[in-house]
């Protein structure tokens, strides 16, 4: 026989797992120090300048 599943508990467990995943993403996105954010911003700016310098002019 199949195992009996309480749908309310299963739905709540699924919601908890989704919220946990969302929290993990937000921690990675917003949980950085000011120095880390500035370093990442400077690296992105450097990469953009480097890419722009490689464009061929008409």
N, C-alpha and C. Protein backbone atom coordinates (compact mmCIF):
# COMPACT_ATOMS: atom_id res chain seq x y z
N UNK A 1 0.84 -1.19 0.00
CA UNK A 1 0.00 0.00 0.00
C UNK A 1 0.87 1.24 0.00
N UNK A 2 0.30 2.31 -0.48
CA UNK A 2 1.01 3.58 -0.54
C UNK A 2 1.02 4.23 0.84
N UNK A 3 2.00 5.07 1.04
CA UNK A 3 2.12 5.79 2.30
C UNK A 3 1.11 6.93 2.31
N UNK A 4 0.46 7.13 3.44
CA UNK A 4 -0.52 8.20 3.58
C UNK A 4 0.25 9.50 3.81
N UNK A 5 -0.13 10.52 3.04
CA UNK A 5 0.56 11.80 3.11
C UNK A 5 -0.44 12.88 3.50
N UNK A 6 -0.10 13.66 4.50
CA UNK A 6 -0.93 14.79 4.90
C UNK A 6 -0.60 15.93 3.94
N UNK A 7 -1.55 16.29 3.09
CA UNK A 7 -1.30 17.29 2.05
C UNK A 7 -0.99 18.67 2.63
N UNK A 8 -1.60 19.00 3.75
CA UNK A 8 -1.33 20.29 4.38
C UNK A 8 0.13 20.37 4.81
N UNK A 9 0.62 19.31 5.44
CA UNK A 9 2.02 19.29 5.88
C UNK A 9 2.98 19.28 4.69
N UNK A 10 2.61 18.56 3.65
CA UNK A 10 3.46 18.52 2.46
C UNK A 10 3.53 19.88 1.80
N UNK A 11 2.41 20.58 1.73
CA UNK A 11 2.37 21.91 1.13
C UNK A 11 3.20 22.89 1.95
N UNK A 12 3.10 22.80 3.28
CA UNK A 12 3.88 23.69 4.14
C UNK A 12 5.37 23.38 4.02
N UNK A 13 5.74 22.14 3.91
CA UNK A 13 7.15 21.76 3.76
C UNK A 13 7.70 22.28 2.44
N UNK A 14 6.89 22.20 1.40
CA UNK A 14 7.32 22.71 0.09
C UNK A 14 7.51 24.22 0.15
N UNK A 15 6.60 24.92 0.81
CA UNK A 15 6.72 26.38 0.95
C UNK A 15 7.95 26.74 1.76
N UNK A 16 8.23 25.96 2.81
CA UNK A 16 9.42 26.21 3.64
C UNK A 16 10.69 26.03 2.83
N UNK A 17 10.72 25.01 2.00
CA UNK A 17 11.90 24.75 1.17
C UNK A 17 12.10 25.89 0.16
N UNK A 18 11.01 26.37 -0.41
CA UNK A 18 11.10 27.48 -1.37
C UNK A 18 11.59 28.75 -0.67
N UNK A 19 11.07 29.02 0.52
CA UNK A 19 11.49 30.20 1.27
C UNK A 19 12.96 30.10 1.65
N UNK A 20 13.39 28.90 1.99
CA UNK A 20 14.79 28.69 2.35
C UNK A 20 15.70 28.96 1.16
N UNK A 21 15.31 28.50 -0.02
CA UNK A 21 16.08 28.73 -1.23
C UNK A 21 16.14 30.23 -1.54
N UNK A 22 15.01 30.91 -1.41
CA UNK A 22 14.95 32.34 -1.66
C UNK A 22 15.84 33.09 -0.67
N UNK A 23 15.83 32.68 0.58
CA UNK A 23 16.67 33.32 1.60
C UNK A 23 18.14 33.11 1.28
N UNK A 24 18.50 31.94 0.79
CA UNK A 24 19.89 31.64 0.44
C UNK A 24 20.36 32.56 -0.69
N UNK A 25 19.49 32.75 -1.68
CA UNK A 25 19.83 33.63 -2.81
C UNK A 25 19.99 35.06 -2.32
N UNK A 26 19.07 35.52 -1.46
CA UNK A 26 19.14 36.89 -0.95
C UNK A 26 20.37 37.11 -0.08
N UNK A 27 20.77 36.10 0.70
CA UNK A 27 21.98 36.23 1.51
C UNK A 27 23.19 36.40 0.61
N UNK A 28 23.24 35.66 -0.47
CA UNK A 28 24.36 35.77 -1.39
C UNK A 28 24.35 37.12 -2.10
N UNK A 29 23.17 37.61 -2.39
CA UNK A 29 23.04 38.85 -3.15
C UNK A 29 23.28 40.08 -2.27
N UNK A 30 22.72 40.08 -1.07
CA UNK A 30 22.76 41.27 -0.22
C UNK A 30 23.66 41.14 1.00
N UNK A 31 24.16 39.97 1.26
CA UNK A 31 24.92 39.74 2.48
C UNK A 31 26.41 39.95 2.31
N UNK A 32 26.80 40.98 1.57
CA UNK A 32 28.22 41.23 1.34
C UNK A 32 28.62 42.52 2.05
N UNK A 33 29.89 42.62 2.41
CA UNK A 33 30.37 43.82 3.05
C UNK A 33 30.51 44.93 2.01
N UNK A 34 30.66 46.15 2.49
CA UNK A 34 30.80 47.29 1.59
C UNK A 34 32.04 47.13 0.72
N UNK A 35 33.13 46.66 1.31
CA UNK A 35 34.37 46.47 0.55
C UNK A 35 34.19 45.44 -0.55
N UNK A 36 33.49 44.35 -0.26
CA UNK A 36 33.24 43.32 -1.28
C UNK A 36 32.39 43.87 -2.41
N UNK A 37 31.36 44.66 -2.07
CA UNK A 37 30.50 45.26 -3.10
C UNK A 37 31.30 46.22 -3.97
N UNK A 38 32.13 47.06 -3.36
CA UNK A 38 32.93 48.01 -4.12
C UNK A 38 33.94 47.30 -5.01
N UNK A 39 34.55 46.22 -4.49
CA UNK A 39 35.50 45.46 -5.29
C UNK A 39 34.82 44.83 -6.50
N UNK A 40 33.63 44.28 -6.29
CA UNK A 40 32.88 43.67 -7.40
C UNK A 40 32.48 44.74 -8.42
N UNK A 41 32.09 45.92 -7.94
CA UNK A 41 31.71 47.01 -8.84
C UNK A 41 32.91 47.47 -9.66
N UNK A 42 34.07 47.59 -9.01
CA UNK A 42 35.28 48.01 -9.71
C UNK A 42 35.69 46.96 -10.74
N UNK A 43 35.56 45.69 -10.40
CA UNK A 43 35.91 44.61 -11.33
C UNK A 43 34.98 44.64 -12.55
N UNK A 44 33.70 44.87 -12.32
CA UNK A 44 32.75 44.95 -13.44
C UNK A 44 33.06 46.16 -14.33
N UNK A 45 33.41 47.27 -13.72
CA UNK A 45 33.75 48.47 -14.50
C UNK A 45 35.02 48.22 -15.32
N UNK A 46 36.00 47.56 -14.72
CA UNK A 46 37.24 47.25 -15.42
C UNK A 46 36.97 46.34 -16.60
N UNK A 47 36.14 45.33 -16.40
CA UNK A 47 35.80 44.40 -17.47
C UNK A 47 35.06 45.12 -18.60
N UNK A 48 34.18 46.05 -18.24
CA UNK A 48 33.44 46.80 -19.26
C UNK A 48 34.38 47.69 -20.06
N UNK A 49 35.33 48.35 -19.37
CA UNK A 49 36.30 49.19 -20.09
C UNK A 49 37.16 48.36 -21.02
N UNK A 50 37.57 47.19 -20.54
CA UNK A 50 38.40 46.30 -21.36
C UNK A 50 37.64 45.84 -22.60
N UNK A 51 36.39 45.49 -22.43
CA UNK A 51 35.57 45.05 -23.54
C UNK A 51 35.35 46.20 -24.53
N UNK A 52 35.09 47.39 -24.01
CA UNK A 52 34.87 48.54 -24.86
C UNK A 52 36.11 48.87 -25.67
N UNK A 53 37.29 48.66 -25.11
CA UNK A 53 38.54 48.92 -25.79
C UNK A 53 38.79 47.93 -26.93
N UNK A 54 38.12 46.82 -26.92
CA UNK A 54 38.34 45.79 -27.94
C UNK A 54 37.38 45.93 -29.13
N UNK A 55 36.45 46.90 -29.06
CA UNK A 55 35.53 47.10 -30.17
C UNK A 55 36.28 47.69 -31.37
N UNK A 56 35.89 47.25 -32.52
CA UNK A 56 36.49 47.79 -33.74
C UNK A 56 35.78 49.08 -34.10
N UNK A 57 36.54 50.09 -34.47
CA UNK A 57 35.91 51.36 -34.88
C UNK A 57 35.63 51.34 -36.38
N UNK A 58 34.63 52.09 -36.78
CA UNK A 58 34.26 52.15 -38.20
C UNK A 58 35.10 53.11 -38.99
